[in-house]
Amino acid sequence: MPTVRYGDRTIDCERGDILREVLLDAGVVPHNGNAKRVNCRGHGTCGTCAVAVDGPTSAPTARERWRLDFPPHDAGTGLRLACQTRVEGDLTVAKFPGFWGQYTDDPPLIDDE
């Protein structure tokens, strides 16, 4: 059973679970600010659930690659959309500041900042 580490939280999940759902089910919101209320609800179109992921995951979907190559995101940052990412093993997840979590040069947010 894989675990997802987010800040000081450790969340158990099943292999193949969608990362966004794993986080939400554990009470961790992968969106910042108003994006907690205004987002695409997991369709991969808004980009507000972008997170840094370290560990085994599914390959990026075509929709995810498109969205993360569209401003304000930059495909070179290596971020993933939590709504399009499947957990394939133990992961460490970090969320960055900004409406879309796009400020990757800043320190990651801890828990629900």
Protein backbone atom coordinates (compact mmCIF):
# COMPACT_ATOMS: atom_id res chain seq x y z
CA MET A 1 0.00 0.00 0.00
CA PRO A 2 1.62 3.29 -1.08
CA THR A 3 1.89 6.30 1.21
CA VAL A 4 1.71 9.94 0.23
CA ARG A 5 3.69 12.38 2.34
CA TYR A 6 2.50 16.00 2.36
CA GLY A 7 4.16 18.26 4.91
CA ASP A 8 4.00 16.36 8.19
CA ARG A 9 1.08 14.20 7.01
CA THR A 10 1.39 10.60 5.84
CA ILE A 11 -1.60 9.29 3.92
CA ASP A 12 -2.17 5.65 2.95
CA CYS A 13 -3.81 4.93 -0.38
CA GLU A 14 -4.16 2.27 -3.06
CA ARG A 15 -1.83 1.96 -6.04
CA GLY A 16 -3.52 3.66 -9.01
CA ASP A 17 -5.51 6.15 -6.91
CA ILE A 18 -5.73 9.68 -8.29
CA LEU A 19 -3.52 11.96 -6.19
CA ARG A 20 -6.11 14.77 -5.95
CA GLU A 21 -8.67 12.36 -4.51
CA VAL A 22 -6.15 10.91 -2.07
CA LEU A 23 -5.34 14.39 -0.77
CA LEU A 24 -8.96 15.56 -0.60
CA ASP A 25 -10.09 12.38 1.17
CA ALA A 26 -7.43 13.07 3.83
CA GLY A 27 -8.59 16.68 4.25
CA VAL A 28 -5.67 18.15 2.32
CA VAL A 29 -6.75 20.64 -0.36
CA PRO A 30 -4.37 20.75 -3.36
CA HIS A 31 -5.54 24.27 -4.29
CA ASN A 32 -4.49 27.70 -2.99
CA GLY A 33 -6.69 30.63 -2.03
CA ASN A 34 -9.87 31.04 -4.05
CA ALA A 35 -8.89 28.07 -6.22
CA LYS A 36 -10.22 25.95 -3.35
CA ARG A 37 -13.69 27.02 -4.52
CA VAL A 38 -13.05 27.85 -8.18
CA ASN A 39 -11.39 24.93 -9.96
CA CYS A 40 -12.21 22.38 -12.66
CA ARG A 41 -13.04 19.63 -10.11
CA GLY A 42 -10.47 17.21 -11.50
CA HIS A 43 -10.88 17.59 -15.26
CA GLY A 44 -7.29 18.75 -15.83
CA THR A 45 -8.21 22.06 -17.42
CA CYS A 46 -7.63 24.74 -14.77
CA GLY A 47 -4.14 23.84 -13.51
CA THR A 48 -4.78 24.95 -9.93
CA CYS A 49 -3.87 21.56 -8.41
CA ALA A 50 -0.29 21.69 -9.70
CA VAL A 51 2.11 20.09 -7.21
CA ALA A 52 5.69 18.86 -7.08
CA VAL A 53 5.81 15.08 -6.80
CA ASP A 54 8.76 12.90 -5.90
CA GLY A 55 8.20 9.20 -6.40
CA PRO A 56 6.58 6.77 -8.84
CA THR A 57 3.48 8.03 -10.65
CA SER A 58 1.62 7.47 -13.87
CA ALA A 59 2.97 9.18 -16.98
CA PRO A 60 1.57 12.68 -17.62
CA THR A 61 -1.62 12.65 -19.67
CA ALA A 62 -1.89 14.66 -22.89
CA ARG A 63 -4.30 17.07 -21.14
CA GLU A 64 -1.86 17.49 -18.26
CA ARG A 65 1.10 18.17 -20.59
CA TRP A 66 -0.98 20.75 -22.48
CA ARG A 67 -2.14 22.56 -19.32
CA LEU A 68 1.29 22.66 -17.73
CA ASP A 69 2.77 24.17 -20.90
CA PHE A 70 0.22 27.01 -20.82
CA PRO A 71 0.82 30.20 -18.76
CA PRO A 72 1.19 30.81 -15.94
CA HIS A 73 2.69 27.32 -15.81
CA ASP A 74 5.95 26.34 -17.47
CA ALA A 75 6.50 22.72 -18.50
CA GLY A 76 10.13 22.98 -17.39
CA THR A 77 9.20 23.19 -13.70
CA GLY A 78 8.33 19.51 -13.52
CA LEU A 79 5.03 20.12 -11.71
CA ARG A 80 2.20 17.62 -12.03
CA LEU A 81 -1.56 18.10 -11.89
CA ALA A 82 -2.80 16.18 -8.86
CA CYS A 83 -6.07 15.48 -10.69
CA GLN A 84 -4.29 13.70 -13.54
CA THR A 85 -1.61 11.88 -11.54
CA ARG A 86 -2.03 8.31 -10.36
CA VAL A 87 -0.08 7.09 -7.35
CA GLU A 88 2.15 4.14 -8.30
CA GLY A 89 4.25 3.98 -5.11
CA ASP A 90 5.35 6.03 -2.12
CA LEU A 91 5.27 9.77 -2.93
CA THR A 92 6.30 13.06 -1.41
CA VAL A 93 4.10 15.96 -2.52
CA ALA A 94 4.70 19.71 -2.16
CA LYS A 95 2.46 22.65 -3.09
CA PHE A 96 3.91 26.03 -4.04
CA PRO A 97 2.46 29.56 -3.63
CA GLY A 98 0.38 31.36 -6.24
CA PHE A 99 -3.20 30.82 -7.40
CA TRP A 100 -2.00 27.97 -9.65
CA GLY A 101 0.86 26.92 -7.37
CA GLN A 102 3.20 28.24 -10.04
CA TYR A 103 5.81 30.02 -7.88
CA THR A 104 8.29 27.16 -7.76
CA ASP A 105 11.21 29.45 -6.87
CA ASP A 106 9.53 30.13 -3.49
CA PRO A 107 9.58 27.60 -0.64
CA PRO A 108 6.75 25.08 -0.77
CA LEU A 109 3.68 25.65 1.36
CA ILE A 110 3.22 23.52 4.44
CA ASP A 111 -0.17 21.84 4.84
CA ASP A 112 -3.08 24.23 4.26
CA GLU A 113 -1.40 27.64 4.16
